[in-house]
Protein backbone atom coordinates (compact mmCIF):
# COMPACT_ATOMS: atom_id res chain seq x y z
CA MET A 1 86.48 117.82 142.93
CA ASP A 2 83.63 115.45 142.72
CA GLY A 3 81.25 117.90 144.48
CA ASN A 4 82.84 117.37 148.29
CA LYS A 5 83.96 120.20 150.22
CA GLU A 6 87.53 120.35 151.02
CA LYS A 7 88.44 121.91 154.36
CA VAL A 8 91.75 123.34 154.76
CA LYS A 9 93.07 124.40 158.13
CA PHE A 10 95.85 127.24 158.59
CA SER A 11 97.84 127.44 161.62
CA TYR A 12 99.50 130.87 162.57
CA VAL A 13 102.76 131.02 163.91
CA ALA A 14 104.11 134.03 165.46
CA PRO A 15 108.08 134.18 165.27
CA HIS A 16 109.91 135.30 168.78
CA HIS A 17 111.17 138.37 166.85
CA LEU A 18 107.44 139.47 165.86
CA ARG A 19 106.67 143.07 167.05
CA ASP A 20 103.80 145.29 166.89
CA CYS A 21 104.58 148.38 164.77
CA TYR A 22 102.49 151.73 164.81
CA VAL A 23 102.44 153.12 161.12
CA ASN A 24 101.06 156.40 159.93
CA GLY A 25 102.06 156.06 156.41
CA ALA A 26 103.51 154.32 153.47
CA TRP A 27 105.72 154.88 150.44
CA GLY A 28 106.49 152.42 147.52
CA GLU A 29 106.76 151.59 143.90
CA VAL A 30 106.31 149.21 141.39
CA THR A 31 109.44 147.20 140.63
CA GLY A 32 110.66 146.20 137.36
CA ARG A 33 109.60 142.53 137.87
CA GLY A 34 106.09 143.98 138.39
CA GLU A 35 105.89 143.54 142.23
CA ILE A 36 104.79 146.20 144.54
CA VAL A 37 107.14 147.28 147.25
CA MET A 38 105.45 149.05 150.30
CA HIS A 39 107.76 150.42 153.04
CA PHE A 40 105.46 151.39 156.29
CA TYR A 41 106.97 154.19 158.52
CA SER A 42 106.19 156.14 161.71
CA GLU A 43 106.85 159.84 161.45
CA ARG A 44 108.15 161.75 164.17
CA GLN A 45 110.19 164.75 165.06
CA PRO A 46 113.99 164.33 165.14
CA LEU A 47 115.90 163.79 168.23
CA PRO A 48 118.39 166.58 168.85
CA LYS A 49 121.93 165.77 167.49
CA SER A 50 123.17 166.85 170.93
CA SER A 51 121.94 168.86 174.14
CA ALA A 52 124.08 170.76 177.02
CA TYR A 53 122.87 171.69 180.53
CA THR A 54 124.43 174.29 182.58
CA PHE A 55 124.17 173.62 186.56
CA ASP A 56 124.68 176.01 189.28
CA GLU A 57 126.48 174.95 192.54
CA ASN A 58 123.30 173.35 194.00
CA GLY A 59 122.81 171.19 190.94
CA ASN A 60 119.82 172.88 189.50
CA VAL A 61 119.79 173.55 185.75
CA THR A 62 120.36 177.21 184.69
CA ASP A 63 120.58 176.76 181.01
CA TYR A 64 119.94 174.38 178.44
CA ASP A 65 120.89 174.18 174.91
CA GLU A 66 120.34 171.68 171.84
CA GLU A 67 121.46 171.32 168.40
CA PRO A 68 118.26 170.29 166.22
CA GLY A 69 118.57 167.18 164.68
CA GLY A 70 117.05 168.02 161.36
CA ASP A 71 113.73 167.63 159.35
CA THR A 72 111.07 165.22 160.17
CA VAL A 73 111.91 161.60 160.56
CA ARG A 74 110.16 159.06 158.75
CA LEU A 75 111.34 155.66 160.40
CA ILE A 76 110.76 152.64 158.04
CA GLN A 77 108.92 150.06 160.29
CA ALA A 78 108.56 147.48 157.66
CA SER A 79 109.01 146.67 154.10
CA LEU A 80 106.60 144.59 152.14
CA VAL A 81 107.03 143.13 148.61
CA MET A 82 103.90 141.50 147.09
CA ASP A 83 102.62 140.65 143.60
CA LEU A 84 99.58 142.00 141.95
CA GLU A 85 97.09 139.26 143.38
CA THR A 86 98.32 139.60 146.86
CA ALA A 87 98.03 143.38 146.76
CA ARG A 88 94.22 143.26 145.36
CA ALA A 89 93.47 140.83 148.37
CA ILE A 90 95.13 142.78 150.92
CA ASN A 91 93.39 145.81 149.35
CA GLN A 92 89.76 144.04 149.52
CA TRP A 93 90.75 142.84 153.24
CA LEU A 94 91.80 146.43 154.16
CA ALA A 95 88.47 147.83 152.49
CA ASP A 96 86.33 145.07 154.28
CA ARG A 97 87.74 146.28 157.81
CA ILE A 98 87.20 150.07 156.73
CA ASP A 99 83.55 149.42 156.01
CA ALA A 100 83.33 147.74 159.36
CA LEU A 101 84.52 150.54 161.18
CA THR A 102 82.62 153.17 158.92
CA GLY A 103 80.16 151.46 157.34
CA PRO A 104 79.68 150.96 153.45
CA GLU A 105 80.13 154.30 151.44
CA GLU A 106 76.82 155.20 149.72
CA GLY A 107 76.15 153.83 146.18
CA GLU A 108 78.29 150.82 146.89
């Protein structure tokens, strides 16, 4: 460029199927192609496999039994695949947001 600044405008388009996801963890790895895969999950207790209620003649519950559903569930909300450059940019973006919430760490 010859010293002139070029302005580029980006438009953000949200598809109809977009949804907000609460996540409280991530798991991932580096692929054989050198890309980073991140699976964001929300963690919760499992639903019971089944439940049974016993009612008296007036329709009141007199007994309840359930078959446990197992261990803690990690429900994958989204899976992201990115190259190293994108991961670094997201890492910096996230660090900036954390600093905005907490203030920069001492010594930085």
